[in-house]
C-alpha atoms as a PDB file:
ATOM      1  CA  MET A   1      -7.225  -3.060  12.673  1.00  0.00           C
ATOM      2  CA  GLU A   2      -8.887   0.030  15.413  1.00  0.00           C
ATOM      3  CA  GLY A   3     -10.747  -0.985  18.149  1.00  0.00           C
ATOM      4  CA  GLY A   4      -9.189  -2.675  21.424  1.00  0.00           C
ATOM      5  CA  ILE A   5      -6.067  -3.973  20.265  1.00  0.00           C
ATOM      6  CA  ILE A   6      -4.569  -0.654  18.918  1.00  0.00           C
ATOM      7  CA  ILE A   7      -6.101   0.567  22.557  1.00  0.00           C
ATOM      8  CA  LEU A   8      -3.043  -1.827  23.949  1.00  0.00           C
ATOM      9  CA  MET A   9      -0.141  -0.059  22.214  1.00  0.00           C
ATOM     10  CA  THR A  10       1.909   2.430  22.759  1.00  0.00           C
ATOM     11  CA  ASN A  11       2.714   5.095  20.442  1.00  0.00           C
ATOM     12  CA  ALA A  12       6.422   3.166  19.466  1.00  0.00           C
ATOM     13  CA  VAL A  13       4.470   0.004  18.987  1.00  0.00           C
ATOM     14  CA  ARG A  14       2.040   1.835  16.763  1.00  0.00           C
ATOM     15  CA  GLN A  15       4.723   3.541  14.593  1.00  0.00           C
ATOM     16  CA  LEU A  16       6.640   0.136  14.776  1.00  0.00           C
ATOM     17  CA  ILE A  17       3.182  -1.592  13.097  1.00  0.00           C
ATOM     18  CA  ASP A  18       2.577   1.021  10.839  1.00  0.00           C
ATOM     19  CA  SER A  19       6.350   0.947   9.298  1.00  0.00           C
ATOM     20  CA  PHE A  20       5.861  -2.986   9.392  1.00  0.00           C
ATOM     21  CA  GLU A  21       2.610  -2.683   7.087  1.00  0.00           C
ATOM     22  CA  ALA A  22       4.130  -0.183   4.979  1.00  0.00           C
ATOM     23  CA  LEU A  23       7.412  -2.691   3.484  1.00  0.00           C
ATOM     24  CA  PRO A  24       7.059  -5.010   0.608  1.00  0.00           C
ATOM     25  CA  GLU A  25       6.264  -8.548   1.142  1.00  0.00           C
ATOM     26  CA  ASP A  26       9.595  -9.956   1.401  1.00  0.00           C
ATOM     27  CA  GLU A  27      10.582  -7.930   3.673  1.00  0.00           C
ATOM     28  CA  LYS A  28       7.654  -7.927   5.823  1.00  0.00           C
ATOM     29  CA  HIS A  29       8.817 -11.857   5.488  1.00  0.00           C
ATOM     30  CA  GLU A  30      12.559 -10.871   6.597  1.00  0.00           C
ATOM     31  CA  ALA A  31      11.259  -9.024   9.280  1.00  0.00           C
ATOM     32  CA  LEU A  32       9.136 -11.634  11.177  1.00  0.00           C
ATOM     33  CA  ALA A  33      11.823 -14.245  10.731  1.00  0.00           C
ATOM     34  CA  GLN A  34      14.432 -11.796  12.683  1.00  0.00           C
ATOM     35  CA  LEU A  35      11.572 -11.288  15.320  1.00  0.00           C
ATOM     36  CA  LEU A  36      11.217 -15.230  15.649  1.00  0.00           C
ATOM     37  CA  ARG A  37      14.591 -15.922  15.462  1.00  0.00           C
ATOM     38  CA  ARG A  38      15.101 -13.417  18.423  1.00  0.00           C
ATOM     39  CA  LEU A  39      11.946 -14.433  20.424  1.00  0.00           C
ATOM     40  CA  LEU A  40      13.169 -18.241  20.477  1.00  0.00           C
ATOM     41  CA  GLY A  41      16.762 -16.686  22.774  1.00  0.00           C
ATOM     42  CA  SER A  42      14.916 -14.196  24.698  1.00  0.00           C
ATOM     43  CA  PRO A  43      13.712 -14.692  28.397  1.00  0.00           C
ATOM     44  CA  TYR A  44      10.403 -13.391  28.421  1.00  0.00           C
ATOM     45  CA  LEU A  45       7.942 -16.149  29.240  1.00  0.00           C
ATOM     46  CA  SER A  46       5.032 -17.325  26.565  1.00  0.00           C
ATOM     47  CA  PRO A  47       1.797 -15.862  27.384  1.00  0.00           C
ATOM     48  CA  SER A  48      -0.699 -18.130  29.151  1.00  0.00           C
ATOM     49  CA  ASP A  49      -3.847 -19.658  27.688  1.00  0.00           C
ATOM     50  CA  ASP A  50      -6.111 -17.139  29.452  1.00  0.00           C
ATOM     51  CA  GLU A  51      -3.960 -13.864  27.731  1.00  0.00           C
ATOM     52  CA  LEU A  52      -3.878 -15.616  25.000  1.00  0.00           C
ATOM     53  CA  THR A  53      -7.816 -16.362  24.979  1.00  0.00           C
ATOM     54  CA  HIS A  54      -8.292 -12.459  25.905  1.00  0.00           C
ATOM     55  CA  VAL A  55      -6.350 -11.384  22.770  1.00  0.00           C
ATOM     56  CA  ALA A  56      -8.420 -13.947  20.848  1.00  0.00           C
ATOM     57  CA  ASP A  57     -11.484 -12.788  22.038  1.00  0.00           C
ATOM     58  CA  LEU A  58     -10.321  -8.893  21.339  1.00  0.00           C
ATOM     59  CA  VAL A  59      -9.300 -10.099  17.577  1.00  0.00           C
ATOM     60  CA  PHE A  60     -12.777 -11.637  16.969  1.00  0.00           C
ATOM     61  CA  GLN A  61     -14.744  -8.919  18.332  1.00  0.00           C
ATOM     62  CA  GLU A  62     -13.265  -6.230  16.113  1.00  0.00           C
ATOM     63  CA  TYR A  63     -13.807  -8.871  12.939  1.00  0.00           C
ATOM     64  CA  ASP A  64     -17.643  -8.545  14.216  1.00  0.00           C
ATOM     65  CA  CYS A  65     -17.181  -4.838  14.674  1.00  0.00           C
ATOM     66  CA  ASP A  66     -15.905  -4.372  11.094  1.00  0.00           C
ATOM     67  CA  GLU A  67     -18.638  -7.041   9.593  1.00  0.00           C
ATOM     68  CA  ALA A  68     -21.407  -5.112  11.533  1.00  0.00           C
ATOM     69  CA  ARG A  69     -20.316  -2.023   9.461  1.00  0.00           C
ATOM     70  CA  GLY A  70     -20.048  -3.651   6.465  1.00  0.00           C
END
């Protein structure tokens, strides 16, 4: 997905996402499960409602742009 969301990513994160997208479906599932397990045990705070709303807005703006392009 190009646009606002990609701009927020570092090159390392973009490479990680690209590598993830290249995985077979079963390995994607395994990678997601491992990430979620690690996330549950991490000291990071959950995103605020405002942060989640902002990211959701970016996603829907990108969907709108994709629709407009056909």
